[in-house]
Amino acid sequence: MSQDIWINLPVKDVERSTAFFNAIGYQATSFGNERAKLAIGQTTILLFPIETFEKFTGSRIADTSSNAEVIFSLGADSREEVDAIIQKVEFAGGIIFGKPSENDGWMYGAGFADLDGHRWNLLYMDESKMPKR
């Protein structure tokens, strides 16, 4: 049995969302305004128009202007990569809700919302500084 996971995400405009993710450094391929494939590492996120998403889920989407339905956490290879992606997000029209900062002396991260208000977390973990158990 296949162990692949595909995450389905509703968006207002598939082509505009595809351009946003490509602009911030991820690989997104649009298939017109019907859907797009966003590949991040081994994870596939399919972007669907809201109407299509609501039709096959049988429910309305969350209002991301006032609610968070999930946060996607993305690993970064360095603090500099976190900073660079956040700059790209701002330039591409995303909203930064958590400016880059250090946590617990070994994690460095930032948070942003994409064009549809979906929340994303960038995180670099310096494993050499992780507390030992």
C-alpha atoms as a PDB file:
ATOM      1  CA  MET A   1       0.000   0.000   0.000  1.00  0.00           C
ATOM      2  CA  SER A   2       1.307   3.451  -0.870  1.00  0.00           C
ATOM      3  CA  GLN A   3       2.314   5.659   2.050  1.00  0.00           C
ATOM      4  CA  ASP A   4       2.240   8.949   0.135  1.00  0.00           C
ATOM      5  CA  ILE A   5       0.352  11.852   1.649  1.00  0.00           C
ATOM      6  CA  TRP A   6      -1.212  14.514  -0.535  1.00  0.00           C
ATOM      7  CA  ILE A   7      -2.556  17.575   1.202  1.00  0.00           C
ATOM      8  CA  ASN A   8      -5.455  19.368  -0.502  1.00  0.00           C
ATOM      9  CA  LEU A   9      -5.621  23.123   0.042  1.00  0.00           C
ATOM     10  CA  PRO A  10      -8.333  25.520  -1.162  1.00  0.00           C
ATOM     11  CA  VAL A  11      -7.210  28.737  -2.867  1.00  0.00           C
ATOM     12  CA  LYS A  12      -9.042  31.664  -4.425  1.00  0.00           C
ATOM     13  CA  ASP A  13      -6.905  31.752  -7.578  1.00  0.00           C
ATOM     14  CA  VAL A  14      -4.812  28.696  -8.487  1.00  0.00           C
ATOM     15  CA  GLU A  15      -2.553  30.490 -10.968  1.00  0.00           C
ATOM     16  CA  ARG A  16      -1.887  33.399  -8.592  1.00  0.00           C
ATOM     17  CA  SER A  17      -1.107  30.988  -5.734  1.00  0.00           C
ATOM     18  CA  THR A  18       1.196  29.000  -8.026  1.00  0.00           C
ATOM     19  CA  ALA A  19       3.087  32.187  -8.887  1.00  0.00           C
ATOM     20  CA  PHE A  20       3.359  33.090  -5.168  1.00  0.00           C
ATOM     21  CA  PHE A  21       4.919  29.758  -4.178  1.00  0.00           C
ATOM     22  CA  ASN A  22       7.303  29.827  -7.140  1.00  0.00           C
ATOM     23  CA  ALA A  23       8.315  33.391  -6.202  1.00  0.00           C
ATOM     24  CA  ILE A  24       9.273  32.341  -2.676  1.00  0.00           C
ATOM     25  CA  GLY A  25      11.392  29.434  -3.902  1.00  0.00           C
ATOM     26  CA  TYR A  26       9.162  26.362  -3.955  1.00  0.00           C
ATOM     27  CA  GLN A  27       8.222  24.303  -7.011  1.00  0.00           C
ATOM     28  CA  ALA A  28       4.594  24.744  -8.036  1.00  0.00           C
ATOM     29  CA  THR A  29       3.054  23.617 -11.317  1.00  0.00           C
ATOM     30  CA  SER A  30      -0.321  24.936 -12.402  1.00  0.00           C
ATOM     31  CA  PHE A  31      -2.782  22.982 -14.525  1.00  0.00           C
ATOM     32  CA  GLY A  32      -4.809  26.020 -15.559  1.00  0.00           C
ATOM     33  CA  ASN A  33      -7.089  27.334 -12.836  1.00  0.00           C
ATOM     34  CA  GLU A  34      -8.358  23.803 -12.058  1.00  0.00           C
ATOM     35  CA  ARG A  35      -5.533  22.751  -9.714  1.00  0.00           C
ATOM     36  CA  ALA A  36      -1.820  23.007  -9.079  1.00  0.00           C
ATOM     37  CA  LYS A  37       0.807  20.744  -7.586  1.00  0.00           C
ATOM     38  CA  LEU A  38       3.108  22.236  -4.958  1.00  0.00           C
ATOM     39  CA  ALA A  39       6.094  20.000  -4.186  1.00  0.00           C
ATOM     40  CA  ILE A  40       7.985  20.611  -0.952  1.00  0.00           C
ATOM     41  CA  GLY A  41      10.529  17.892  -0.270  1.00  0.00           C
ATOM     42  CA  GLN A  42       8.644  14.586  -0.330  1.00  0.00           C
ATOM     43  CA  THR A  43       5.296  16.273   0.357  1.00  0.00           C
ATOM     44  CA  THR A  44       2.754  17.114  -2.325  1.00  0.00           C
ATOM     45  CA  ILE A  45       0.211  19.856  -1.713  1.00  0.00           C
ATOM     46  CA  LEU A  46      -2.568  20.147  -4.273  1.00  0.00           C
ATOM     47  CA  LEU A  47      -4.078  23.601  -4.687  1.00  0.00           C
ATOM     48  CA  PHE A  48      -7.742  23.557  -5.679  1.00  0.00           C
ATOM     49  CA  PRO A  49     -10.253  26.337  -6.355  1.00  0.00           C
ATOM     50  CA  ILE A  50     -12.459  26.896  -3.310  1.00  0.00           C
ATOM     51  CA  GLU A  51     -15.594  25.672  -5.103  1.00  0.00           C
ATOM     52  CA  THR A  52     -13.933  22.384  -6.090  1.00  0.00           C
ATOM     53  CA  PHE A  53     -12.546  21.857  -2.586  1.00  0.00           C
ATOM     54  CA  GLU A  54     -15.937  22.493  -0.974  1.00  0.00           C
ATOM     55  CA  LYS A  55     -17.634  20.152  -3.435  1.00  0.00           C
ATOM     56  CA  PHE A  56     -15.458  17.136  -2.689  1.00  0.00           C
ATOM     57  CA  THR A  57     -15.203  17.768   1.068  1.00  0.00           C
ATOM     58  CA  GLY A  58     -18.903  18.465   1.516  1.00  0.00           C
ATOM     59  CA  SER A  59     -18.159  21.447   3.749  1.00  0.00           C
ATOM     60  CA  ARG A  60     -17.236  25.104   3.604  1.00  0.00           C
ATOM     61  CA  ILE A  61     -13.645  26.252   3.949  1.00  0.00           C
ATOM     62  CA  ALA A  62     -12.375  27.970   7.096  1.00  0.00           C
ATOM     63  CA  ASP A  63     -12.378  31.769   7.140  1.00  0.00           C
ATOM     64  CA  THR A  64      -8.609  32.274   7.289  1.00  0.00           C
ATOM     65  CA  SER A  65      -9.004  35.999   7.974  1.00  0.00           C
ATOM     66  CA  SER A  66     -10.153  35.156  11.511  1.00  0.00           C
ATOM     67  CA  ASN A  67      -9.404  31.430  11.985  1.00  0.00           C
ATOM     68  CA  ALA A  68      -6.428  29.127  11.460  1.00  0.00           C
ATOM     69  CA  GLU A  69      -7.211  25.653  10.165  1.00  0.00           C
ATOM     70  CA  VAL A  70      -3.627  24.325  10.245  1.00  0.00           C
ATOM     71  CA  ILE A  71      -0.033  25.534  10.231  1.00  0.00           C
ATOM     72  CA  PHE A  72       2.413  23.995   7.799  1.00  0.00           C
ATOM     73  CA  SER A  73       5.958  23.847   9.164  1.00  0.00           C
ATOM     74  CA  LEU A  74       8.803  23.955   6.672  1.00  0.00           C
ATOM     75  CA  GLY A  75      12.391  23.141   7.550  1.00  0.00           C
ATOM     76  CA  ALA A  76      15.210  25.490   6.606  1.00  0.00           C
ATOM     77  CA  ASP A  77      18.910  24.720   6.346  1.00  0.00           C
ATOM     78  CA  SER A  78      20.053  27.931   8.061  1.00  0.00           C
ATOM     79  CA  ARG A  79      18.979  31.154   9.752  1.00  0.00           C
ATOM     80  CA  GLU A  80      19.916  32.941   6.525  1.00  0.00           C
ATOM     81  CA  GLU A  81      17.529  30.745   4.550  1.00  0.00           C
ATOM     82  CA  VAL A  82      14.680  31.632   6.942  1.00  0.00           C
ATOM     83  CA  ASP A  83      15.464  35.335   6.484  1.00  0.00           C
ATOM     84  CA  ALA A  84      15.728  35.027   2.686  1.00  0.00           C
ATOM     85  CA  ILE A  85      12.406  33.192   2.332  1.00  0.00           C
ATOM     86  CA  ILE A  86      10.651  35.715   4.591  1.00  0.00           C
ATOM     87  CA  GLN A  87      11.939  38.555   2.406  1.00  0.00           C
ATOM     88  CA  LYS A  88      10.593  36.755  -0.673  1.00  0.00           C
ATOM     89  CA  VAL A  89       7.235  36.213   1.055  1.00  0.00           C
ATOM     90  CA  GLU A  90       6.908  39.952   1.774  1.00  0.00           C
ATOM     91  CA  PHE A  91       7.847  40.843  -1.810  1.00  0.00           C
ATOM     92  CA  ALA A  92       5.367  38.266  -3.216  1.00  0.00           C
ATOM     93  CA  GLY A  93       2.455  39.664  -1.174  1.00  0.00           C
ATOM     94  CA  GLY A  94       2.332  37.299   1.804  1.00  0.00           C
ATOM     95  CA  ILE A  95       1.765  38.487   5.377  1.00  0.00           C
ATOM     96  CA  ILE A  96       4.415  38.009   8.065  1.00  0.00           C
ATOM     97  CA  PHE A  97       2.740  37.184  11.383  1.00  0.00           C
ATOM     98  CA  GLY A  98       5.894  36.061  13.192  1.00  0.00           C
ATOM     99  CA  LYS A  99       9.086  37.959  12.458  1.00  0.00           C
ATOM    100  CA  PRO A 100      12.298  35.904  12.386  1.00  0.00           C
ATOM    101  CA  SER A 101      13.467  35.203  15.919  1.00  0.00           C
ATOM    102  CA  GLU A 102      15.334  32.690  18.039  1.00  0.00           C
ATOM    103  CA  ASN A 103      13.581  30.347  20.459  1.00  0.00           C
ATOM    104  CA  ASP A 104      15.156  28.312  23.256  1.00  0.00           C
ATOM    105  CA  GLY A 105      18.687  29.047  22.019  1.00  0.00           C
ATOM    106  CA  TRP A 106      18.595  26.448  19.226  1.00  0.00           C
ATOM    107  CA  MET A 107      15.569  27.189  17.042  1.00  0.00           C
ATOM    108  CA  TYR A 108      15.218  30.093  14.645  1.00  0.00           C
ATOM    109  CA  GLY A 109      11.996  30.650  12.794  1.00  0.00           C
ATOM    110  CA  ALA A 110       9.341  32.905  11.361  1.00  0.00           C
ATOM    111  CA  GLY A 111       5.668  32.669  10.383  1.00  0.00           C
ATOM    112  CA  PHE A 112       3.773  33.878   7.349  1.00  0.00           C
ATOM    113  CA  ALA A 113       0.373  33.653   5.716  1.00  0.00           C
ATOM    114  CA  ASP A 114       0.086  33.009   1.988  1.00  0.00           C
ATOM    115  CA  LEU A 115      -2.269  34.877  -0.352  1.00  0.00           C
ATOM    116  CA  ASP A 116      -5.242  32.872   0.955  1.00  0.00           C
ATOM    117  CA  GLY A 117      -4.394  33.282   4.636  1.00  0.00           C
ATOM    118  CA  HIS A 118      -3.054  29.746   5.118  1.00  0.00           C
ATOM    119  CA  ARG A 119      -0.379  29.775   7.827  1.00  0.00           C
ATOM    120  CA  TRP A 120       3.185  28.601   7.315  1.00  0.00           C
ATOM    121  CA  ASN A 121       6.084  28.310   9.744  1.00  0.00           C
ATOM    122  CA  LEU A 122       9.744  28.338   8.688  1.00  0.00           C
ATOM    123  CA  LEU A 123      12.101  26.696  11.140  1.00  0.00           C
ATOM    124  CA  TYR A 124      15.840  26.171  11.347  1.00  0.00           C
ATOM    125  CA  MET A 125      16.974  23.915  14.188  1.00  0.00           C
ATOM    126  CA  ASP A 126      20.630  23.971  15.224  1.00  0.00           C
ATOM    127  CA  GLU A 127      20.852  20.400  16.495  1.00  0.00           C
ATOM    128  CA  SER A 128      24.324  21.012  17.985  1.00  0.00           C
ATOM    129  CA  LYS A 129      22.667  23.372  20.497  1.00  0.00           C
ATOM    130  CA  MET A 130      19.640  21.165  21.266  1.00  0.00           C
ATOM    131  CA  PRO A 131      19.244  20.317  24.951  1.00  0.00           C
ATOM    132  CA  LYS A 132      20.370  16.809  25.801  1.00  0.00           C
ATOM    133  CA  ARG A 133      17.879  14.563  27.579  1.00  0.00           C
END
